[in-house]
Amino acid sequence: MSKIKEVFFINEDLRDSFFELKNGKFEDKQLYEFINRAIDDLKINPNCGIKIPKKLWPKIYIQKHNIGNLWKYDLPNAWRVIYTIAENEVKVMSIILEWFDHKEYERKFKY
């Protein structure tokens, strides 16, 4: 039996920010579509992103979310979705922690 695959946001504020993009300016609407496509892909295959080595994890993710894995999904225009995967007997959950542009990604991950 195959597990159910679902995608969640880490909290309601992030979910609300995602839906606000839909009504924003052109770039926001475009980003909404990019993230929506990522969500669709994660529902099919939670491992479709790139696994980030533990030594590169920003400490804030460990402290704030107590993660055991960290992934990035590359979006067009150098945007990134950062997520973690959790699972139990029946479900695999991709949990979106945040998204940001390449510059912010480099700053957060100290590249």
PDB file of N, CA and C in Angstrom:
ATOM      1  N   MET A   1       0.833  -1.188   0.000  1.00  0.00           N
ATOM      2  CA  MET A   1       0.000   0.000   0.000  1.00  0.00           C
ATOM      3  C   MET A   1       0.883   1.258   0.000  1.00  0.00           C
ATOM      4  N   SER A   2       0.566   2.145  -0.875  1.00  0.00           N
ATOM      5  CA  SER A   2       1.311   3.400  -1.004  1.00  0.00           C
ATOM      6  C   SER A   2       0.828   4.411   0.037  1.00  0.00           C
ATOM      7  N   LYS A   3       1.769   5.163   0.566  1.00  0.00           N
ATOM      8  CA  LYS A   3       1.415   6.173   1.579  1.00  0.00           C
ATOM      9  C   LYS A   3       0.797   7.408   0.926  1.00  0.00           C
ATOM     10  N   ILE A   4      -0.076   8.062   1.657  1.00  0.00           N
ATOM     11  CA  ILE A   4      -0.674   9.318   1.230  1.00  0.00           C
ATOM     12  C   ILE A   4       0.408  10.394   1.307  1.00  0.00           C
ATOM     13  N   LYS A   5       0.500  11.226   0.283  1.00  0.00           N
ATOM     14  CA  LYS A   5       1.491  12.306   0.265  1.00  0.00           C
ATOM     15  C   LYS A   5       0.760  13.640   0.335  1.00  0.00           C
ATOM     16  N   GLU A   6       1.131  14.438   1.327  1.00  0.00           N
ATOM     17  CA  GLU A   6       0.493  15.739   1.525  1.00  0.00           C
ATOM     18  C   GLU A   6       1.552  16.813   1.707  1.00  0.00           C
ATOM     19  N   VAL A   7       1.146  18.044   1.458  1.00  0.00           N
ATOM     20  CA  VAL A   7       2.045  19.185   1.636  1.00  0.00           C
ATOM     21  C   VAL A   7       1.375  20.173   2.584  1.00  0.00           C
ATOM     22  N   PHE A   8       2.153  20.646   3.554  1.00  0.00           N
ATOM     23  CA  PHE A   8       1.669  21.605   4.537  1.00  0.00           C
ATOM     24  C   PHE A   8       2.639  22.773   4.626  1.00  0.00           C
ATOM     25  N   PHE A   9       2.175  23.864   5.199  1.00  0.00           N
ATOM     26  CA  PHE A   9       3.051  24.976   5.552  1.00  0.00           C
ATOM     27  C   PHE A   9       3.356  24.835   7.037  1.00  0.00           C
ATOM     28  N   ILE A  10       4.513  25.285   7.463  1.00  0.00           N
ATOM     29  CA  ILE A  10       4.941  25.122   8.847  1.00  0.00           C
ATOM     30  C   ILE A  10       3.997  25.833   9.817  1.00  0.00           C
ATOM     31  N   ASN A  11       3.345  26.892   9.352  1.00  0.00           N
ATOM     32  CA  ASN A  11       2.381  27.587  10.217  1.00  0.00           C
ATOM     33  C   ASN A  11       1.372  28.357   9.362  1.00  0.00           C
ATOM     34  N   GLU A  12       0.347  28.872  10.009  1.00  0.00           N
ATOM     35  CA  GLU A  12      -0.716  29.588   9.296  1.00  0.00           C
ATOM     36  C   GLU A  12      -0.219  30.881   8.662  1.00  0.00           C
ATOM     37  N   ASP A  13       0.718  31.555   9.315  1.00  0.00           N
ATOM     38  CA  ASP A  13       1.255  32.800   8.750  1.00  0.00           C
ATOM     39  C   ASP A  13       1.903  32.558   7.394  1.00  0.00           C
ATOM     40  N   LEU A  14       2.676  31.488   7.292  1.00  0.00           N
ATOM     41  CA  LEU A  14       3.326  31.180   6.020  1.00  0.00           C
ATOM     42  C   LEU A  14       2.284  30.786   4.966  1.00  0.00           C
ATOM     43  N   ARG A  15       1.298  30.011   5.389  1.00  0.00           N
ATOM     44  CA  ARG A  15       0.220  29.634   4.467  1.00  0.00           C
ATOM     45  C   ARG A  15      -0.511  30.882   3.964  1.00  0.00           C
ATOM     46  N   ASP A  16      -0.804  31.799   4.881  1.00  0.00           N
ATOM     47  CA  ASP A  16      -1.486  33.036   4.503  1.00  0.00           C
ATOM     48  C   ASP A  16      -0.626  33.864   3.551  1.00  0.00           C
ATOM     49  N   SER A  17       0.672  33.919   3.817  1.00  0.00           N
ATOM     50  CA  SER A  17       1.590  34.658   2.928  1.00  0.00           C
ATOM     51  C   SER A  17       1.574  34.070   1.526  1.00  0.00           C
ATOM     52  N   PHE A  18       1.510  32.744   1.453  1.00  0.00           N
ATOM     53  CA  PHE A  18       1.447  32.072   0.157  1.00  0.00           C
ATOM     54  C   PHE A  18       0.188  32.501  -0.605  1.00  0.00           C
ATOM     55  N   PHE A  19      -0.963  32.464   0.045  1.00  0.00           N
ATOM     56  CA  PHE A  19      -2.207  32.821  -0.631  1.00  0.00           C
ATOM     57  C   PHE A  19      -2.275  34.314  -0.960  1.00  0.00           C
ATOM     58  N   GLU A  20      -1.604  35.154  -0.179  1.00  0.00           N
ATOM     59  CA  GLU A  20      -1.551  36.590  -0.479  1.00  0.00           C
ATOM     60  C   GLU A  20      -0.791  36.867  -1.780  1.00  0.00           C
ATOM     61  N   LEU A  21       0.166  36.013  -2.104  1.00  0.00           N
ATOM     62  CA  LEU A  21       0.917  36.189  -3.355  1.00  0.00           C
ATOM     63  C   LEU A  21      -0.017  36.186  -4.564  1.00  0.00           C
ATOM     64  N   LYS A  22      -1.065  35.383  -4.483  1.00  0.00           N
ATOM     65  CA  LYS A  22      -2.006  35.221  -5.598  1.00  0.00           C
ATOM     66  C   LYS A  22      -2.642  36.548  -6.012  1.00  0.00           C
ATOM     67  N   ASN A  23      -2.810  37.464  -5.061  1.00  0.00           N
ATOM     68  CA  ASN A  23      -3.470  38.740  -5.335  1.00  0.00           C
ATOM     69  C   ASN A  23      -2.486  39.906  -5.413  1.00  0.00           C
ATOM     70  N   GLY A  24      -1.200  39.606  -5.430  1.00  0.00           N
ATOM     71  CA  GLY A  24      -0.188  40.656  -5.444  1.00  0.00           C
ATOM     72  C   GLY A  24       0.138  41.144  -6.841  1.00  0.00           C
ATOM     73  N   LYS A  25       1.254  41.832  -6.944  1.00  0.00           N
ATOM     74  CA  LYS A  25       1.694  42.328  -8.246  1.00  0.00           C
ATOM     75  C   LYS A  25       2.143  41.156  -9.122  1.00  0.00           C
ATOM     76  N   PHE A  26       2.516  41.429 -10.350  1.00  0.00           N
ATOM     77  CA  PHE A  26       2.829  40.386 -11.316  1.00  0.00           C
ATOM     78  C   PHE A  26       3.847  39.385 -10.780  1.00  0.00           C
ATOM     79  N   GLU A  27       4.937  39.880 -10.178  1.00  0.00           N
ATOM     80  CA  GLU A  27       5.990  38.997  -9.677  1.00  0.00           C
ATOM     81  C   GLU A  27       5.471  38.094  -8.563  1.00  0.00           C
ATOM     82  N   ASP A  28       4.596  38.630  -7.715  1.00  0.00           N
ATOM     83  CA  ASP A  28       4.015  37.827  -6.641  1.00  0.00           C
ATOM     84  C   ASP A  28       3.130  36.719  -7.207  1.00  0.00           C
ATOM     85  N   LYS A  29       2.308  37.070  -8.200  1.00  0.00           N
ATOM     86  CA  LYS A  29       1.439  36.072  -8.825  1.00  0.00           C
ATOM     87  C   LYS A  29       2.268  34.977  -9.482  1.00  0.00           C
ATOM     88  N   GLN A  30       3.362  35.392 -10.102  1.00  0.00           N
ATOM     89  CA  GLN A  30       4.258  34.437 -10.743  1.00  0.00           C
ATOM     90  C   GLN A  30       4.872  33.499  -9.692  1.00  0.00           C
ATOM     91  N   LEU A  31       5.333  34.066  -8.577  1.00  0.00           N
ATOM     92  CA  LEU A  31       5.902  33.263  -7.500  1.00  0.00           C
ATOM     93  C   LEU A  31       4.856  32.300  -6.933  1.00  0.00           C
ATOM     94  N   TYR A  32       3.631  32.760  -6.800  1.00  0.00           N
ATOM     95  CA  TYR A  32       2.536  31.898  -6.343  1.00  0.00           C
ATOM     96  C   TYR A  32       2.424  30.673  -7.254  1.00  0.00           C
ATOM     97  N   GLU A  33       2.454  30.906  -8.560  1.00  0.00           N
ATOM     98  CA  GLU A  33       2.363  29.796  -9.524  1.00  0.00           C
ATOM     99  C   GLU A  33       3.556  28.856  -9.402  1.00  0.00           C
ATOM    100  N   PHE A  34       4.754  29.415  -9.231  1.00  0.00           N
ATOM    101  CA  PHE A  34       5.959  28.589  -9.078  1.00  0.00           C
ATOM    102  C   PHE A  34       5.843  27.697  -7.836  1.00  0.00           C
ATOM    103  N   ILE A  35       5.419  28.283  -6.714  1.00  0.00           N
ATOM    104  CA  ILE A  35       5.298  27.517  -5.466  1.00  0.00           C
ATOM    105  C   ILE A  35       4.189  26.485  -5.589  1.00  0.00           C
ATOM    106  N   ASN A  36       3.112  26.855  -6.255  1.00  0.00           N
ATOM    107  CA  ASN A  36       2.001  25.928  -6.472  1.00  0.00           C
ATOM    108  C   ASN A  36       2.469  24.705  -7.266  1.00  0.00           C
ATOM    109  N   ARG A  37       3.300  24.938  -8.272  1.00  0.00           N
ATOM    110  CA  ARG A  37       3.863  23.841  -9.071  1.00  0.00           C
ATOM    111  C   ARG A  37       4.754  22.959  -8.185  1.00  0.00           C
ATOM    112  N   ALA A  38       5.528  23.576  -7.308  1.00  0.00           N
ATOM    113  CA  ALA A  38       6.375  22.815  -6.379  1.00  0.00           C
ATOM    114  C   ALA A  38       5.502  21.948  -5.474  1.00  0.00           C
ATOM    115  N   ILE A  39       4.411  22.508  -4.977  1.00  0.00           N
ATOM    116  CA  ILE A  39       3.491  21.755  -4.119  1.00  0.00           C
ATOM    117  C   ILE A  39       2.949  20.541  -4.862  1.00  0.00           C
ATOM    118  N   ASP A  40       2.542  20.746  -6.115  1.00  0.00           N
ATOM    119  CA  ASP A  40       2.044  19.625  -6.924  1.00  0.00           C
ATOM    120  C   ASP A  40       3.118  18.543  -7.072  1.00  0.00           C
ATOM    121  N   ASP A  41       4.354  18.963  -7.336  1.00  0.00           N
ATOM    122  CA  ASP A  41       5.454  18.001  -7.488  1.00  0.00           C
ATOM    123  C   ASP A  41       5.721  17.261  -6.177  1.00  0.00           C
ATOM    124  N   LEU A  42       5.683  17.971  -5.057  1.00  0.00           N
ATOM    125  CA  LEU A  42       5.931  17.347  -3.756  1.00  0.00           C
ATOM    126  C   LEU A  42       4.835  16.349  -3.386  1.00  0.00           C
ATOM    127  N   LYS A  43       3.616  16.592  -3.850  1.00  0.00           N
ATOM    128  CA  LYS A  43       2.522  15.646  -3.598  1.00  0.00           C
ATOM    129  C   LYS A  43       2.767  14.337  -4.335  1.00  0.00           C
ATOM    130  N   ILE A  44       3.442  14.414  -5.456  1.00  0.00           N
ATOM    131  CA  ILE A  44       3.767  13.211  -6.240  1.00  0.00           C
ATOM    132  C   ILE A  44       5.014  12.534  -5.674  1.00  0.00           C
ATOM    133  N   ASN A  45       6.057  13.340  -5.409  1.00  0.00           N
ATOM    134  CA  ASN A  45       7.323  12.799  -4.941  1.00  0.00           C
ATOM    135  C   ASN A  45       7.975  13.760  -3.941  1.00  0.00           C
ATOM    136  N   PRO A  46       7.824  13.511  -2.649  1.00  0.00           N
ATOM    137  CA  PRO A  46       8.416  14.402  -1.643  1.00  0.00           C
ATOM    138  C   PRO A  46       9.940  14.530  -1.761  1.00  0.00           C
ATOM    139  N   ASN A  47      10.589  13.554  -2.380  1.00  0.00           N
ATOM    140  CA  ASN A  47      12.045  13.571  -2.531  1.00  0.00           C
ATOM    141  C   ASN A  47      12.501  14.247  -3.822  1.00  0.00           C
ATOM    142  N   CYS A  48      11.623  14.984  -4.483  1.00  0.00           N
ATOM    143  CA  CYS A  48      11.978  15.569  -5.773  1.00  0.00           C
ATOM    144  C   CYS A  48      12.925  16.761  -5.653  1.00  0.00           C
ATOM    145  N   GLY A  49      13.058  17.295  -4.451  1.00  0.00           N
ATOM    146  CA  GLY A  49      13.986  18.398  -4.233  1.00  0.00           C
ATOM    147  C   GLY A  49      15.409  17.896  -4.069  1.00  0.00           C
ATOM    148  N   ILE A  50      16.255  18.767  -3.591  1.00  0.00           N
ATOM    149  CA  ILE A  50      17.663  18.439  -3.361  1.00  0.00           C
ATOM    150  C   ILE A  50      17.878  18.392  -1.854  1.00  0.00           C
ATOM    151  N   LYS A  51      18.377  17.273  -1.364  1.00  0.00           N
ATOM    152  CA  LYS A  51      18.622  17.133   0.077  1.00  0.00           C
ATOM    153  C   LYS A  51      19.826  17.983   0.458  1.00  0.00           C
ATOM    154  N   ILE A  52      19.659  18.779   1.509  1.00  0.00           N
ATOM    155  CA  ILE A  52      20.725  19.667   1.973  1.00  0.00           C
ATOM    156  C   ILE A  52      21.522  18.937   3.051  1.00  0.00           C
ATOM    157  N   PRO A  53      22.835  18.844   2.876  1.00  0.00           N
ATOM    158  CA  PRO A  53      23.660  18.172   3.897  1.00  0.00           C
ATOM    159  C   PRO A  53      23.509  18.840   5.267  1.00  0.00           C
ATOM    160  N   LYS A  54      23.475  18.022   6.309  1.00  0.00           N
ATOM    161  CA  LYS A  54      23.226  18.507   7.671  1.00  0.00           C
ATOM    162  C   LYS A  54      24.194  19.607   8.091  1.00  0.00           C
ATOM    163  N   LYS A  55      25.441  19.524   7.670  1.00  0.00           N
ATOM    164  CA  LYS A  55      26.434  20.523   8.084  1.00  0.00           C
ATOM    165  C   LYS A  55      26.102  21.914   7.541  1.00  0.00           C
ATOM    166  N   LEU A  56      25.222  21.999   6.541  1.00  0.00           N
ATOM    167  CA  LEU A  56      24.833  23.291   5.954  1.00  0.00           C
ATOM    168  C   LEU A  56      23.532  23.860   6.531  1.00  0.00           C
ATOM    169  N   TRP A  57      22.849  23.103   7.379  1.00  0.00           N
ATOM    170  CA  TRP A  57      21.563  23.556   7.917  1.00  0.00           C
ATOM    171  C   TRP A  57      21.747  24.782   8.799  1.00  0.00           C
ATOM    172  N   PRO A  58      20.984  25.836   8.544  1.00  0.00           N
ATOM    173  CA  PRO A  58      20.981  26.961   9.478  1.00  0.00           C
ATOM    174  C   PRO A  58      20.441  26.491  10.841  1.00  0.00           C
ATOM    175  N   LYS A  59      21.091  26.893  11.893  1.00  0.00           N
ATOM    176  CA  LYS A  59      20.706  26.445  13.250  1.00  0.00           C
ATOM    177  C   LYS A  59      19.258  26.796  13.594  1.00  0.00           C
ATOM    178  N   ILE A  60      18.772  27.882  13.025  1.00  0.00           N
ATOM    179  CA  ILE A  60      17.403  28.320  13.326  1.00  0.00           C
ATOM    180  C   ILE A  60      16.382  27.237  12.982  1.00  0.00           C
ATOM    181  N   TYR A  61      16.622  26.488  11.900  1.00  0.00           N
ATOM    182  CA  TYR A  61      15.682  25.422  11.527  1.00  0.00           C
ATOM    183  C   TYR A  61      15.674  24.310  12.567  1.00  0.00           C
ATOM    184  N   ILE A  62      16.826  23.990  13.101  1.00  0.00           N
ATOM    185  CA  ILE A  62      16.924  22.929  14.112  1.00  0.00           C
ATOM    186  C   ILE A  62      16.273  23.403  15.411  1.00  0.00           C
ATOM    187  N   GLN A  63      16.603  24.630  15.829  1.00  0.00           N
ATOM    188  CA  GLN A  63      16.072  25.171  17.081  1.00  0.00           C
ATOM    189  C   GLN A  63      14.570  25.395  17.015  1.00  0.00           C
ATOM    190  N   LYS A  64      14.118  25.998  15.935  1.00  0.00           N
ATOM    191  CA  LYS A  64      12.716  26.413  15.834  1.00  0.00           C
ATOM    192  C   LYS A  64      11.780  25.269  15.451  1.00  0.00           C
ATOM    193  N   HIS A  65      12.261  24.363  14.574  1.00  0.00           N
ATOM    194  CA  HIS A  65      11.366  23.343  14.018  1.00  0.00           C
ATOM    195  C   HIS A  65      11.769  21.916  14.352  1.00  0.00           C
ATOM    196  N   ASN A  66      12.920  21.751  15.012  1.00  0.00           N
ATOM    197  CA  ASN A  66      13.388  20.423  15.407  1.00  0.00           C
ATOM    198  C   ASN A  66      13.377  19.437  14.225  1.00  0.00           C
ATOM    199  N   ILE A  67      13.952  19.850  13.112  1.00  0.00           N
ATOM    200  CA  ILE A  67      13.914  19.048  11.891  1.00  0.00           C
ATOM    201  C   ILE A  67      14.922  17.896  11.942  1.00  0.00           C
ATOM    202  N   GLY A  68      14.643  16.875  11.150  1.00  0.00           N
ATOM    203  CA  GLY A  68      15.554  15.746  11.019  1.00  0.00           C
ATOM    204  C   GLY A  68      16.099  15.621   9.613  1.00  0.00           C
ATOM    205  N   ASN A  69      15.588  16.459   8.708  1.00  0.00           N
ATOM    206  CA  ASN A  69      16.067  16.497   7.328  1.00  0.00           C
ATOM    207  C   ASN A  69      15.697  17.859   6.742  1.00  0.00           C
ATOM    208  N   LEU A  70      16.381  18.249   5.702  1.00  0.00           N
ATOM    209  CA  LEU A  70      16.124  19.556   5.083  1.00  0.00           C
ATOM    210  C   LEU A  70      16.345  19.443   3.588  1.00  0.00           C
ATOM    211  N   TRP A  71      15.413  19.987   2.846  1.00  0.00           N
ATOM    212  CA  TRP A  71      15.427  19.901   1.387  1.00  0.00           C
ATOM    213  C   TRP A  71      15.212  21.277   0.786  1.00  0.00           C
ATOM    214  N   LYS A  72      15.681  21.451  -0.448  1.00  0.00           N
ATOM    215  CA  LYS A  72      15.355  22.664  -1.190  1.00  0.00           C
ATOM    216  C   LYS A  72      14.783  22.253  -2.531  1.00  0.00           C
ATOM    217  N   TYR A  73      13.850  23.036  -2.980  1.00  0.00           N
ATOM    218  CA  TYR A  73      13.242  22.844  -4.288  1.00  0.00           C
ATOM    219  C   TYR A  73      13.531  24.119  -5.054  1.00  0.00           C
ATOM    220  N   ASP A  74      14.254  23.998  -6.155  1.00  0.00           N
ATOM    221  CA  ASP A  74      14.603  25.166  -6.962  1.00  0.00           C
ATOM    222  C   ASP A  74      13.416  25.587  -7.824  1.00  0.00           C
ATOM    223  N   LEU A  75      13.060  26.854  -7.707  1.00  0.00           N
ATOM    224  CA  LEU A  75      11.992  27.448  -8.511  1.00  0.00           C
ATOM    225  C   LEU A  75      12.627  28.276  -9.627  1.00  0.00           C
ATOM    226  N   PRO A  76      11.843  28.644 -10.645  1.00  0.00           N
ATOM    227  CA  PRO A  76      12.368  29.556 -11.666  1.00  0.00           C
ATOM    228  C   PRO A  76      12.795  30.894 -11.049  1.00  0.00           C
ATOM    229  N   ASN A  77      13.584  31.639 -11.783  1.00  0.00           N
ATOM    230  CA  ASN A  77      14.065  32.963 -11.373  1.00  0.00           C
ATOM    231  C   ASN A  77      14.866  32.918 -10.066  1.00  0.00           C
ATOM    232  N   ALA A  78      15.538  31.797  -9.832  1.00  0.00           N
ATOM    233  CA  ALA A  78      16.454  31.612  -8.698  1.00  0.00           C
ATOM    234  C   ALA A  78      15.771  31.672  -7.328  1.00  0.00           C
ATOM    235  N   TRP A  79      14.474  31.412  -7.264  1.00  0.00           N
ATOM    236  CA  TRP A  79      13.776  31.309  -5.977  1.00  0.00           C
ATOM    237  C   TRP A  79      13.947  29.893  -5.450  1.00  0.00           C
ATOM    238  N   ARG A  80      13.807  29.714  -4.145  1.00  0.00           N
ATOM    239  CA  ARG A  80      13.942  28.413  -3.497  1.00  0.00           C
ATOM    240  C   ARG A  80      12.804  28.208  -2.501  1.00  0.00           C
ATOM    241  N   VAL A  81      12.328  26.970  -2.420  1.00  0.00           N
ATOM    242  CA  VAL A  81      11.421  26.561  -1.351  1.00  0.00           C
ATOM    243  C   VAL A  81      12.234  25.641  -0.448  1.00  0.00           C
ATOM    244  N   ILE A  82      12.210  25.912   0.844  1.00  0.00           N
ATOM    245  CA  ILE A  82      12.900  25.077   1.819  1.00  0.00           C
ATOM    246  C   ILE A  82      11.836  24.268   2.564  1.00  0.00           C
ATOM    247  N   TYR A  83      12.056  22.950   2.637  1.00  0.00           N
ATOM    248  CA  TYR A  83      11.056  22.098   3.291  1.00  0.00           C
ATOM    249  C   TYR A  83      11.719  20.927   4.012  1.00  0.00           C
ATOM    250  N   THR A  84      10.947  20.293   4.857  1.00  0.00           N
ATOM    251  CA  THR A  84      11.379  19.092   5.556  1.00  0.00           C
ATOM    252  C   THR A  84      10.324  18.020   5.299  1.00  0.00           C
ATOM    253  N   ILE A  85      10.701  16.781   5.499  1.00  0.00           N
ATOM    254  CA  ILE A  85       9.782  15.666   5.273  1.00  0.00           C
ATOM    255  C   ILE A  85       9.578  14.928   6.589  1.00  0.00           C
ATOM    256  N   ALA A  86       8.311  14.676   6.912  1.00  0.00           N
ATOM    257  CA  ALA A  86       7.954  13.873   8.089  1.00  0.00           C
ATOM    258  C   ALA A  86       7.031  12.766   7.613  1.00  0.00           C
ATOM    259  N   GLU A  87       7.092  11.617   8.265  1.00  0.00           N
ATOM    260  CA  GLU A  87       6.174  10.547   7.857  1.00  0.00           C
ATOM    261  C   GLU A  87       5.788   9.664   9.026  1.00  0.00           C
ATOM    262  N   ASN A  88       4.654   8.991   8.833  1.00  0.00           N
ATOM    263  CA  ASN A  88       4.203   7.981   9.778  1.00  0.00           C
ATOM    264  C   ASN A  88       3.744   6.770   8.971  1.00  0.00           C
ATOM    265  N   GLU A  89       2.980   5.891   9.550  1.00  0.00           N
ATOM    266  CA  GLU A  89       2.597   4.653   8.863  1.00  0.00           C
ATOM    267  C   GLU A  89       1.767   4.888   7.607  1.00  0.00           C
ATOM    268  N   VAL A  90       0.996   5.962   7.579  1.00  0.00           N
ATOM    269  CA  VAL A  90       0.075   6.165   6.458  1.00  0.00           C
ATOM    270  C   VAL A  90       0.367   7.382   5.591  1.00  0.00           C
ATOM    271  N   LYS A  91       1.153   8.332   6.108  1.00  0.00           N
ATOM    272  CA  LYS A  91       1.351   9.598   5.398  1.00  0.00           C
ATOM    273  C   LYS A  91       2.812   9.979   5.290  1.00  0.00           C
ATOM    274  N   VAL A  92       3.129  10.641   4.174  1.00  0.00           N
ATOM    275  CA  VAL A  92       4.402  11.336   4.011  1.00  0.00           C
ATOM    276  C   VAL A  92       4.038  12.805   3.861  1.00  0.00           C
ATOM    277  N   MET A  93       4.580  13.643   4.745  1.00  0.00           N
ATOM    278  CA  MET A  93       4.232  15.061   4.738  1.00  0.00           C
ATOM    279  C   MET A  93       5.445  15.903   4.377  1.00  0.00           C
ATOM    280  N   SER A  94       5.306  16.686   3.333  1.00  0.00           N
ATOM    281  CA  SER A  94       6.303  17.701   3.011  1.00  0.00           C
ATOM    282  C   SER A  94       5.840  18.970   3.706  1.00  0.00           C
ATOM    283  N   ILE A  95       6.721  19.548   4.512  1.00  0.00           N
ATOM    284  CA  ILE A  95       6.340  20.727   5.295  1.00  0.00           C
ATOM    285  C   ILE A  95       7.204  21.901   4.842  1.00  0.00           C
ATOM    286  N   ILE A  96       6.572  22.870   4.202  1.00  0.00           N
ATOM    287  CA  ILE A  96       7.283  24.036   3.691  1.00  0.00           C
ATOM    288  C   ILE A  96       7.630  24.958   4.856  1.00  0.00           C
ATOM    289  N   LEU A  97       8.926  25.258   4.984  1.00  0.00           N
ATOM    290  CA  LEU A  97       9.400  26.120   6.069  1.00  0.00           C
ATOM    291  C   LEU A  97       9.471  27.576   5.635  1.00  0.00           C
ATOM    292  N   GLU A  98       9.884  27.802   4.389  1.00  0.00           N
ATOM    293  CA  GLU A  98       9.930  29.162   3.845  1.00  0.00           C
ATOM    294  C   GLU A  98      10.346  29.118   2.387  1.00  0.00           C
ATOM    295  N   TRP A  99      10.270  30.272   1.746  1.00  0.00           N
ATOM    296  CA  TRP A  99      10.792  30.433   0.391  1.00  0.00           C
ATOM    297  C   TRP A  99      11.492  31.772   0.338  1.00  0.00           C
ATOM    298  N   PHE A 100      12.454  31.859  -0.546  1.00  0.00           N
ATOM    299  CA  PHE A 100      13.171  33.119  -0.714  1.00  0.00           C
ATOM    300  C   PHE A 100      13.958  33.113  -1.998  1.00  0.00           C
ATOM    301  N   ASP A 101      14.452  34.304  -2.367  1.00  0.00           N
ATOM    302  CA  ASP A 101      15.232  34.416  -3.599  1.00  0.00           C
ATOM    303  C   ASP A 101      16.660  33.936  -3.341  1.00  0.00           C
ATOM    304  N   HIS A 102      17.435  33.873  -4.406  1.00  0.00           N
ATOM    305  CA  HIS A 102      18.784  33.318  -4.332  1.00  0.00           C
ATOM    306  C   HIS A 102      19.680  34.098  -3.368  1.00  0.00           C
ATOM    307  N   LYS A 103      19.542  35.410  -3.385  1.00  0.00           N
ATOM    308  CA  LYS A 103      20.378  36.247  -2.513  1.00  0.00           C
ATOM    309  C   LYS A 103      20.110  35.928  -1.037  1.00  0.00           C
ATOM    310  N   GLU A 104      18.843  35.840  -0.674  1.00  0.00           N
ATOM    311  CA  GLU A 104      18.468  35.516   0.702  1.00  0.00           C
ATOM    312  C   GLU A 104      18.889  34.075   1.042  1.00  0.00           C
ATOM    313  N   TYR A 105      18.767  33.179   0.075  1.00  0.00           N
ATOM    314  CA  TYR A 105      19.192  31.788   0.271  1.00  0.00           C
ATOM    315  C   TYR A 105      20.686  31.736   0.589  1.00  0.00           C
ATOM    316  N   GLU A 106      21.484  32.442  -0.181  1.00  0.00           N
ATOM    317  CA  GLU A 106      22.933  32.472   0.053  1.00  0.00           C
ATOM    318  C   GLU A 106      23.260  33.049   1.423  1.00  0.00           C
ATOM    319  N   ARG A 107      22.545  34.082   1.819  1.00  0.00           N
ATOM    320  CA  ARG A 107      22.777  34.705   3.122  1.00  0.00           C
ATOM    321  C   ARG A 107      22.421  33.725   4.255  1.00  0.00           C
ATOM    322  N   LYS A 108      21.274  33.099   4.141  1.00  0.00           N
ATOM    323  CA  LYS A 108      20.811  32.193   5.197  1.00  0.00           C
ATOM    324  C   LYS A 108      21.699  30.959   5.327  1.00  0.00           C
ATOM    325  N   PHE A 109      22.163  30.443   4.176  1.00  0.00           N
ATOM    326  CA  PHE A 109      22.976  29.232   4.186  1.00  0.00           C
ATOM    327  C   PHE A 109      24.483  29.532   4.167  1.00  0.00           C
ATOM    328  N   LYS A 110      24.814  30.822   4.285  1.00  0.00           N
ATOM    329  CA  LYS A 110      26.202  31.277   4.384  1.00  0.00           C
ATOM    330  C   LYS A 110      27.092  30.807   3.233  1.00  0.00           C
ATOM    331  N   TYR A 111      26.585  30.988   2.022  1.00  0.00           N
ATOM    332  CA  TYR A 111      27.390  30.676   0.824  1.00  0.00           C
ATOM    333  C   TYR A 111      28.217  31.870   0.442  1.00  0.00           C
TER     334      TYR A 111
END
